[in-house]
PDB file of N, CA and C in Angstrom:
ATOM      1  N   MET A   1     175.498-156.156 121.505  1.00  0.00           N
ATOM      2  CA  MET A   1     175.606-155.375 120.236  1.00  0.00           C
ATOM      3  C   MET A   1     176.419-155.799 119.244  1.00  0.00           C
ATOM      4  N   SER A   2     177.404-156.227 120.042  1.00  0.00           N
ATOM      5  CA  SER A   2     178.547-156.500 119.050  1.00  0.00           C
ATOM      6  C   SER A   2     178.693-157.658 118.069  1.00  0.00           C
ATOM      7  N   TYR A   3     177.169-158.936 118.658  1.00  0.00           N
ATOM      8  CA  TYR A   3     177.002-160.008 118.054  1.00  0.00           C
ATOM      9  C   TYR A   3     176.446-159.909 116.755  1.00  0.00           C
ATOM     10  N   LEU A   4     175.213-158.211 117.054  1.00  0.00           N
ATOM     11  CA  LEU A   4     174.662-158.062 116.176  1.00  0.00           C
ATOM     12  C   LEU A   4     175.325-157.644 114.709  1.00  0.00           C
ATOM     13  N   LYS A   5     176.233-156.671 115.110  1.00  0.00           N
ATOM     14  CA  LYS A   5     177.220-156.433 114.339  1.00  0.00           C
ATOM     15  C   LYS A   5     178.034-157.491 113.285  1.00  0.00           C
ATOM     16  N   TYR A   6     178.389-158.648 114.144  1.00  0.00           N
ATOM     17  CA  TYR A   6     179.041-159.747 113.428  1.00  0.00           C
ATOM     18  C   TYR A   6     178.344-160.411 112.690  1.00  0.00           C
ATOM     19  N   PHE A   7     176.878-160.745 113.154  1.00  0.00           N
ATOM     20  CA  PHE A   7     175.896-161.468 112.349  1.00  0.00           C
ATOM     21  C   PHE A   7     175.642-160.436 111.020  1.00  0.00           C
ATOM     22  N   LEU A   8     175.358-159.268 111.148  1.00  0.00           N
ATOM     23  CA  LEU A   8     175.152-158.666 109.856  1.00  0.00           C
ATOM     24  C   LEU A   8     176.013-158.409 108.776  1.00  0.00           C
ATOM     25  N   LEU A   9     177.358-158.598 109.145  1.00  0.00           N
ATOM     26  CA  LEU A   9     178.554-158.287 108.569  1.00  0.00           C
ATOM     27  C   LEU A   9     178.821-160.049 108.015  1.00  0.00           C
ATOM     28  N   LEU A  10     178.476-161.026 108.717  1.00  0.00           N
ATOM     29  CA  LEU A  10     178.029-162.334 107.867  1.00  0.00           C
ATOM     30  C   LEU A  10     177.402-162.754 107.003  1.00  0.00           C
ATOM     31  N   SER A  11     176.271-161.969 107.479  1.00  0.00           N
ATOM     32  CA  SER A  11     175.101-162.240 106.147  1.00  0.00           C
ATOM     33  C   SER A  11     175.680-161.243 104.935  1.00  0.00           C
ATOM     34  N   VAL A  12     175.903-160.244 105.089  1.00  0.00           N
ATOM     35  CA  VAL A  12     175.996-159.458 103.718  1.00  0.00           C
ATOM     36  C   VAL A  12     177.274-160.178 102.758  1.00  0.00           C
ATOM     37  N   LEU A  13     178.114-160.389 103.616  1.00  0.00           N
ATOM     38  CA  LEU A  13     179.353-161.370 103.191  1.00  0.00           C
ATOM     39  C   LEU A  13     179.139-162.825 102.175  1.00  0.00           C
ATOM     40  N   SER A  14     178.195-163.521 102.697  1.00  0.00           N
ATOM     41  CA  SER A  14     177.524-164.292 102.659  1.00  0.00           C
ATOM     42  C   SER A  14     176.609-164.328 100.974  1.00  0.00           C
ATOM     43  N   LEU A  15     175.941-163.442 100.927  1.00  0.00           N
ATOM     44  CA  LEU A  15     175.336-162.769  99.816  1.00  0.00           C
ATOM     45  C   LEU A  15     176.017-162.582  99.013  1.00  0.00           C
ATOM     46  N   GLY A  16     177.257-161.754  98.826  1.00  0.00           N
ATOM     47  CA  GLY A  16     178.275-161.700  98.388  1.00  0.00           C
ATOM     48  C   GLY A  16     178.672-162.711  97.523  1.00  0.00           C
ATOM     49  N   ALA A  17     178.792-163.599  98.042  1.00  0.00           N
ATOM     50  CA  ALA A  17     179.449-164.688  97.555  1.00  0.00           C
ATOM     51  C   ALA A  17     178.663-165.527  96.650  1.00  0.00           C
ATOM     52  N   CYS A  18     177.391-165.223  96.461  1.00  0.00           N
ATOM     53  CA  CYS A  18     176.143-166.284  96.194  1.00  0.00           C
ATOM     54  C   CYS A  18     176.344-166.344  94.811  1.00  0.00           C
ATOM     55  N   ALA A  19     176.201-167.463  93.845  1.00  0.00           N
ATOM     56  CA  ALA A  19     176.482-167.997  92.480  1.00  0.00           C
ATOM     57  C   ALA A  19     175.073-167.523  92.037  1.00  0.00           C
ATOM     58  N   ALA A  20     175.089-168.139  90.596  1.00  0.00           N
ATOM     59  CA  ALA A  20     173.426-168.095  89.600  1.00  0.00           C
ATOM     60  C   ALA A  20     172.915-169.017  90.780  1.00  0.00           C
ATOM     61  N   VAL A  21     171.399-168.636  90.941  1.00  0.00           N
ATOM     62  CA  VAL A  21     170.513-169.951  91.216  1.00  0.00           C
ATOM     63  C   VAL A  21     169.448-169.628  90.834  1.00  0.00           C
ATOM     64  N   TYR A  22     168.977-171.165  90.331  1.00  0.00           N
ATOM     65  CA  TYR A  22     167.484-170.919  89.740  1.00  0.00           C
ATOM     66  C   TYR A  22     166.292-170.547  90.752  1.00  0.00           C
ATOM     67  N   THR A  23     165.403-169.829  90.405  1.00  0.00           N
ATOM     68  CA  THR A  23     164.285-169.283  91.173  1.00  0.00           C
ATOM     69  C   THR A  23     163.336-170.037  91.141  1.00  0.00           C
ATOM     70  N   ASP A  24     162.413-169.501  92.252  1.00  0.00           N
ATOM     71  CA  ASP A  24     160.825-170.239  92.569  1.00  0.00           C
ATOM     72  C   ASP A  24     159.983-170.219  91.341  1.00  0.00           C
ATOM     73  N   ALA A  25     160.266-168.857  90.298  1.00  0.00           N
ATOM     74  CA  ALA A  25     159.585-169.328  89.148  1.00  0.00           C
ATOM     75  C   ALA A  25     159.875-170.395  88.237  1.00  0.00           C
ATOM     76  N   SER A  26     161.061-170.959  88.460  1.00  0.00           N
ATOM     77  CA  SER A  26     161.198-172.267  87.397  1.00  0.00           C
ATOM     78  C   SER A  26     159.785-173.598  88.079  1.00  0.00           C
ATOM     79  N   ASP A  27     159.820-174.331  86.716  1.00  0.00           N
ATOM     80  CA  ASP A  27     158.968-175.270  86.453  1.00  0.00           C
ATOM     81  C   ASP A  27     159.590-176.108  85.831  1.00  0.00           C
ATOM     82  N   SER A  28     158.998-177.188  85.247  1.00  0.00           N
ATOM     83  CA  SER A  28     159.175-178.186  84.397  1.00  0.00           C
ATOM     84  C   SER A  28     159.391-177.773  83.085  1.00  0.00           C
ATOM     85  N   ASN A  29     158.548-176.800  82.806  1.00  0.00           N
ATOM     86  CA  ASN A  29     158.507-175.955  81.623  1.00  0.00           C
ATOM     87  C   ASN A  29     159.763-174.937  81.333  1.00  0.00           C
ATOM     88  N   HIS A  30     160.420-174.575  82.035  1.00  0.00           N
ATOM     89  CA  HIS A  30     161.345-173.489  81.734  1.00  0.00           C
ATOM     90  C   HIS A  30     162.102-173.277  83.646  1.00  0.00           C
ATOM     91  N   VAL A  31     163.396-172.886  83.352  1.00  0.00           N
ATOM     92  CA  VAL A  31     163.952-172.485  84.633  1.00  0.00           C
ATOM     93  C   VAL A  31     164.842-171.085  84.426  1.00  0.00           C
ATOM     94  N   THR A  32     164.744-170.517  85.216  1.00  0.00           N
ATOM     95  CA  THR A  32     165.279-168.993  85.297  1.00  0.00           C
ATOM     96  C   THR A  32     166.365-168.686  86.344  1.00  0.00           C
ATOM     97  N   PHE A  33     167.492-168.261  86.139  1.00  0.00           N
ATOM     98  CA  PHE A  33     168.564-167.981  86.735  1.00  0.00           C
ATOM     99  C   PHE A  33     168.474-166.628  87.380  1.00  0.00           C
ATOM    100  N   LEU A  34     168.955-166.269  88.436  1.00  0.00           N
ATOM    101  CA  LEU A  34     169.472-165.029  88.942  1.00  0.00           C
ATOM    102  C   LEU A  34     170.866-165.101  88.957  1.00  0.00           C
ATOM    103  N   ILE A  35     171.266-163.850  88.199  1.00  0.00           N
ATOM    104  CA  ILE A  35     173.205-164.173  87.783  1.00  0.00           C
ATOM    105  C   ILE A  35     173.457-163.157  88.717  1.00  0.00           C
ATOM    106  N   SER A  36     174.291-163.376  89.666  1.00  0.00           N
ATOM    107  CA  SER A  36     175.395-162.437  90.810  1.00  0.00           C
ATOM    108  C   SER A  36     176.418-162.362  90.180  1.00  0.00           C
ATOM    109  N   ASP A  37     177.323-163.017  89.670  1.00  0.00           N
ATOM    110  CA  ASP A  37     178.763-163.003  89.536  1.00  0.00           C
ATOM    111  C   ASP A  37     178.903-163.160  88.250  1.00  0.00           C
ATOM    112  N   GLY A  38     178.366-162.540  87.145  1.00  0.00           N
ATOM    113  CA  GLY A  38     178.463-162.604  86.157  1.00  0.00           C
ATOM    114  C   GLY A  38     178.730-163.790  85.234  1.00  0.00           C
ATOM    115  N   GLU A  39     178.374-164.895  85.626  1.00  0.00           N
ATOM    116  CA  GLU A  39     178.240-165.845  84.976  1.00  0.00           C
ATOM    117  C   GLU A  39     177.927-165.764  83.412  1.00  0.00           C
ATOM    118  N   SER A  40     178.740-166.615  82.417  1.00  0.00           N
ATOM    119  CA  SER A  40     178.159-166.948  81.238  1.00  0.00           C
ATOM    120  C   SER A  40     176.842-167.736  80.827  1.00  0.00           C
ATOM    121  N   ILE A  41     176.218-167.555  79.714  1.00  0.00           N
ATOM    122  CA  ILE A  41     175.054-168.479  79.263  1.00  0.00           C
ATOM    123  C   ILE A  41     176.069-169.933  79.370  1.00  0.00           C
ATOM    124  N   ALA A  42     177.033-170.456  78.738  1.00  0.00           N
ATOM    125  CA  ALA A  42     177.796-171.423  78.683  1.00  0.00           C
ATOM    126  C   ALA A  42     177.773-172.100  80.027  1.00  0.00           C
ATOM    127  N   SER A  43     178.122-171.183  81.241  1.00  0.00           N
ATOM    128  CA  SER A  43     178.088-171.906  82.464  1.00  0.00           C
ATOM    129  C   SER A  43     177.326-172.279  82.847  1.00  0.00           C
ATOM    130  N   LEU A  44     176.432-171.257  82.455  1.00  0.00           N
ATOM    131  CA  LEU A  44     174.756-171.827  83.163  1.00  0.00           C
ATOM    132  C   LEU A  44     174.037-173.163  82.593  1.00  0.00           C
ATOM    133  N   THR A  45     174.547-173.563  81.345  1.00  0.00           N
ATOM    134  CA  THR A  45     173.814-174.657  80.254  1.00  0.00           C
ATOM    135  C   THR A  45     173.789-175.782  80.856  1.00  0.00           C
ATOM    136  N   PRO A  46     174.800-176.305  81.526  1.00  0.00           N
ATOM    137  CA  PRO A  46     175.008-177.354  82.231  1.00  0.00           C
ATOM    138  C   PRO A  46     173.934-177.696  83.708  1.00  0.00           C
ATOM    139  N   LYS A  47     173.911-176.686  84.121  1.00  0.00           N
ATOM    140  CA  LYS A  47     173.195-176.212  85.352  1.00  0.00           C
ATOM    141  C   LYS A  47     171.669-176.096  85.208  1.00  0.00           C
ATOM    142  N   ALA A  48     171.125-175.611  84.122  1.00  0.00           N
ATOM    143  CA  ALA A  48     169.774-176.020  83.660  1.00  0.00           C
ATOM    144  C   ALA A  48     169.425-177.315  83.133  1.00  0.00           C
ATOM    145  N   ASN A  49     170.743-177.866  82.499  1.00  0.00           N
ATOM    146  CA  ASN A  49     170.427-179.192  81.944  1.00  0.00           C
ATOM    147  C   ASN A  49     170.133-179.974  83.302  1.00  0.00           C
ATOM    148  N   ALA A  50     170.506-179.789  84.296  1.00  0.00           N
ATOM    149  CA  ALA A  50     170.690-180.826  85.494  1.00  0.00           C
ATOM    150  C   ALA A  50     169.276-180.582  85.800  1.00  0.00           C
ATOM    151  N   TYR A  51     168.803-179.254  86.051  1.00  0.00           N
ATOM    152  CA  TYR A  51     167.623-178.919  86.404  1.00  0.00           C
ATOM    153  C   TYR A  51     166.252-179.744  85.368  1.00  0.00           C
ATOM    154  N   CYS A  52     166.459-179.108  84.000  1.00  0.00           N
ATOM    155  CA  CYS A  52     165.653-180.153  83.298  1.00  0.00           C
ATOM    156  C   CYS A  52     165.476-181.779  83.406  1.00  0.00           C
ATOM    157  N   ALA A  53     166.821-181.990  83.437  1.00  0.00           N
ATOM    158  CA  ALA A  53     166.900-183.393  83.691  1.00  0.00           C
ATOM    159  C   ALA A  53     165.853-184.141  84.689  1.00  0.00           C
ATOM    160  N   GLN A  54     165.341-183.624  85.479  1.00  0.00           N
ATOM    161  CA  GLN A  54     164.407-184.186  86.738  1.00  0.00           C
ATOM    162  C   GLN A  54     162.891-184.110  86.025  1.00  0.00           C
ATOM    163  N   TYR A  55     163.083-183.860  84.854  1.00  0.00           N
ATOM    164  CA  TYR A  55     161.382-183.885  84.344  1.00  0.00           C
ATOM    165  C   TYR A  55     161.890-184.677  83.302  1.00  0.00           C
ATOM    166  N   GLY A  56     162.853-185.034  82.661  1.00  0.00           N
ATOM    167  CA  GLY A  56     163.338-185.733  81.686  1.00  0.00           C
ATOM    168  C   GLY A  56     163.319-185.093  80.339  1.00  0.00           C
ATOM    169  N   LYS A  57     163.810-183.660  80.516  1.00  0.00           N
ATOM    170  CA  LYS A  57     163.895-182.836  79.616  1.00  0.00           C
ATOM    171  C   LYS A  57     165.342-182.490  79.226  1.00  0.00           C
ATOM    172  N   THR A  58     165.294-181.389  78.322  1.00  0.00           N
ATOM    173  CA  THR A  58     166.808-180.886  78.201  1.00  0.00           C
ATOM    174  C   THR A  58     166.630-179.348  78.157  1.00  0.00           C
ATOM    175  N   ALA A  59     167.397-178.617  78.108  1.00  0.00           N
ATOM    176  CA  ALA A  59     167.441-177.198  78.499  1.00  0.00           C
ATOM    177  C   ALA A  59     168.094-176.679  76.893  1.00  0.00           C
ATOM    178  N   SER A  60     167.202-175.433  76.730  1.00  0.00           N
ATOM    179  CA  SER A  60     167.623-174.912  75.592  1.00  0.00           C
ATOM    180  C   SER A  60     167.454-172.938  75.986  1.00  0.00           C
ATOM    181  N   PHE A  61     168.793-172.326  75.739  1.00  0.00           N
ATOM    182  CA  PHE A  61     168.773-170.911  76.382  1.00  0.00           C
ATOM    183  C   PHE A  61     167.539-170.115  75.453  1.00  0.00           C
ATOM    184  N   ARG A  62     166.611-169.601  76.000  1.00  0.00           N
ATOM    185  CA  ARG A  62     165.349-168.530  75.700  1.00  0.00           C
ATOM    186  C   ARG A  62     165.964-167.097  75.265  1.00  0.00           C
ATOM    187  N   LYS A  63     166.385-166.622  76.865  1.00  0.00           N
ATOM    188  CA  LYS A  63     166.408-165.242  76.536  1.00  0.00           C
ATOM    189  C   LYS A  63     167.165-164.654  77.917  1.00  0.00           C
ATOM    190  N   SER A  64     167.827-163.525  77.916  1.00  0.00           N
ATOM    191  CA  SER A  64     168.230-162.914  78.687  1.00  0.00           C
ATOM    192  C   SER A  64     168.068-161.345  78.636  1.00  0.00           C
ATOM    193  N   ASP A  65     167.140-161.031  79.350  1.00  0.00           N
ATOM    194  CA  ASP A  65     166.504-159.632  78.931  1.00  0.00           C
ATOM    195  C   ASP A  65     167.624-158.382  79.738  1.00  0.00           C
ATOM    196  N   THR A  66     168.189-158.884  80.645  1.00  0.00           N
ATOM    197  CA  THR A  66     169.433-157.964  81.631  1.00  0.00           C
ATOM    198  C   THR A  66     170.687-158.731  81.792  1.00  0.00           C
ATOM    199  N   GLN A  67     171.533-158.312  82.470  1.00  0.00           N
ATOM    200  CA  GLN A  67     172.847-159.025  82.803  1.00  0.00           C
ATOM    201  C   GLN A  67     172.396-159.881  83.910  1.00  0.00           C
ATOM    202  N   LEU A  68     171.161-159.647  84.693  1.00  0.00           N
ATOM    203  CA  LEU A  68     171.094-160.497  86.125  1.00  0.00           C
ATOM    204  C   LEU A  68     169.887-161.636  85.777  1.00  0.00           C
ATOM    205  N   VAL A  69     169.149-161.624  84.662  1.00  0.00           N
ATOM    206  CA  VAL A  69     168.353-162.774  84.819  1.00  0.00           C
ATOM    207  C   VAL A  69     168.679-163.767  83.392  1.00  0.00           C
ATOM    208  N   ALA A  70     168.687-164.791  83.647  1.00  0.00           N
ATOM    209  CA  ALA A  70     168.765-165.629  82.254  1.00  0.00           C
ATOM    210  C   ALA A  70     167.530-167.029  82.338  1.00  0.00           C
ATOM    211  N   VAL A  71     166.779-166.915  81.198  1.00  0.00           N
ATOM    212  CA  VAL A  71     166.042-167.795  81.359  1.00  0.00           C
ATOM    213  C   VAL A  71     166.066-169.230  79.899  1.00  0.00           C
ATOM    214  N   PHE A  72     165.752-170.017  80.513  1.00  0.00           N
ATOM    215  CA  PHE A  72     165.989-171.549  79.844  1.00  0.00           C
ATOM    216  C   PHE A  72     164.669-172.559  79.825  1.00  0.00           C
ATOM    217  N   ASP A  73     164.334-172.665  78.636  1.00  0.00           N
ATOM    218  CA  ASP A  73     163.071-173.668  77.889  1.00  0.00           C
ATOM    219  C   ASP A  73     163.826-175.444  78.744  1.00  0.00           C
ATOM    220  N   CYS A  74     162.903-175.900  79.101  1.00  0.00           N
ATOM    221  CA  CYS A  74     162.536-177.564  79.301  1.00  0.00           C
ATOM    222  C   CYS A  74     162.091-177.605  78.045  1.00  0.00           C
ATOM    223  N   ASN A  75     162.827-178.613  77.250  1.00  0.00           N
ATOM    224  CA  ASN A  75     162.068-179.153  76.281  1.00  0.00           C
ATOM    225  C   ASN A  75     162.605-180.442  76.154  1.00  0.00           C
ATOM    226  N   TRP A  76     161.044-181.492  75.425  1.00  0.00           N
ATOM    227  CA  TRP A  76     161.285-183.035  75.654  1.00  0.00           C
ATOM    228  C   TRP A  76     162.804-182.903  74.784  1.00  0.00           C
ATOM    229  N   PRO A  77     163.288-184.212  74.708  1.00  0.00           N
ATOM    230  CA  PRO A  77     164.290-184.295  73.392  1.00  0.00           C
ATOM    231  C   PRO A  77     163.767-184.882  72.330  1.00  0.00           C
ATOM    232  N   THR A  78     164.471-184.394  71.101  1.00  0.00           N
ATOM    233  CA  THR A  78     163.749-184.922  69.903  1.00  0.00           C
ATOM    234  C   THR A  78     164.558-186.104  69.626  1.00  0.00           C
ATOM    235  N   SER A  79     163.900-186.958  69.295  1.00  0.00           N
ATOM    236  CA  SER A  79     164.356-188.351  68.629  1.00  0.00           C
ATOM    237  C   SER A  79     165.029-188.257  67.057  1.00  0.00           C
ATOM    238  N   SER A  80     166.146-189.259  67.379  1.00  0.00           N
ATOM    239  CA  SER A  80     167.017-188.791  65.944  1.00  0.00           C
ATOM    240  C   SER A  80     166.016-189.758  64.898  1.00  0.00           C
ATOM    241  N   PRO A  81     166.566-188.840  63.575  1.00  0.00           N
ATOM    242  CA  PRO A  81     165.809-189.425  62.618  1.00  0.00           C
ATOM    243  C   PRO A  81     166.141-191.071  62.267  1.00  0.00           C
ATOM    244  N   ARG A  82     165.166-191.962  61.945  1.00  0.00           N
ATOM    245  CA  ARG A  82     165.540-193.139  61.549  1.00  0.00           C
ATOM    246  C   ARG A  82     165.605-193.223  59.837  1.00  0.00           C
TER     247      ARG A  82
END
């Protein structure tokens, strides 16, 4: 029984240390982050860009309905004017 208590305690502590992670709702057109430790949009932008880069796209912040969710759109890079 004490093993179960330690396992549960370890599980709870592990969840408390979670950082913002993108969700399964993310795809090649957008990335959704669940924010668990109060990260800012500025700190999430490089992570969103890294996710979108696998599709050859760049991230732009779309919205944050709550303090727990942030959504970035994955857009094709704009070409520079000639």
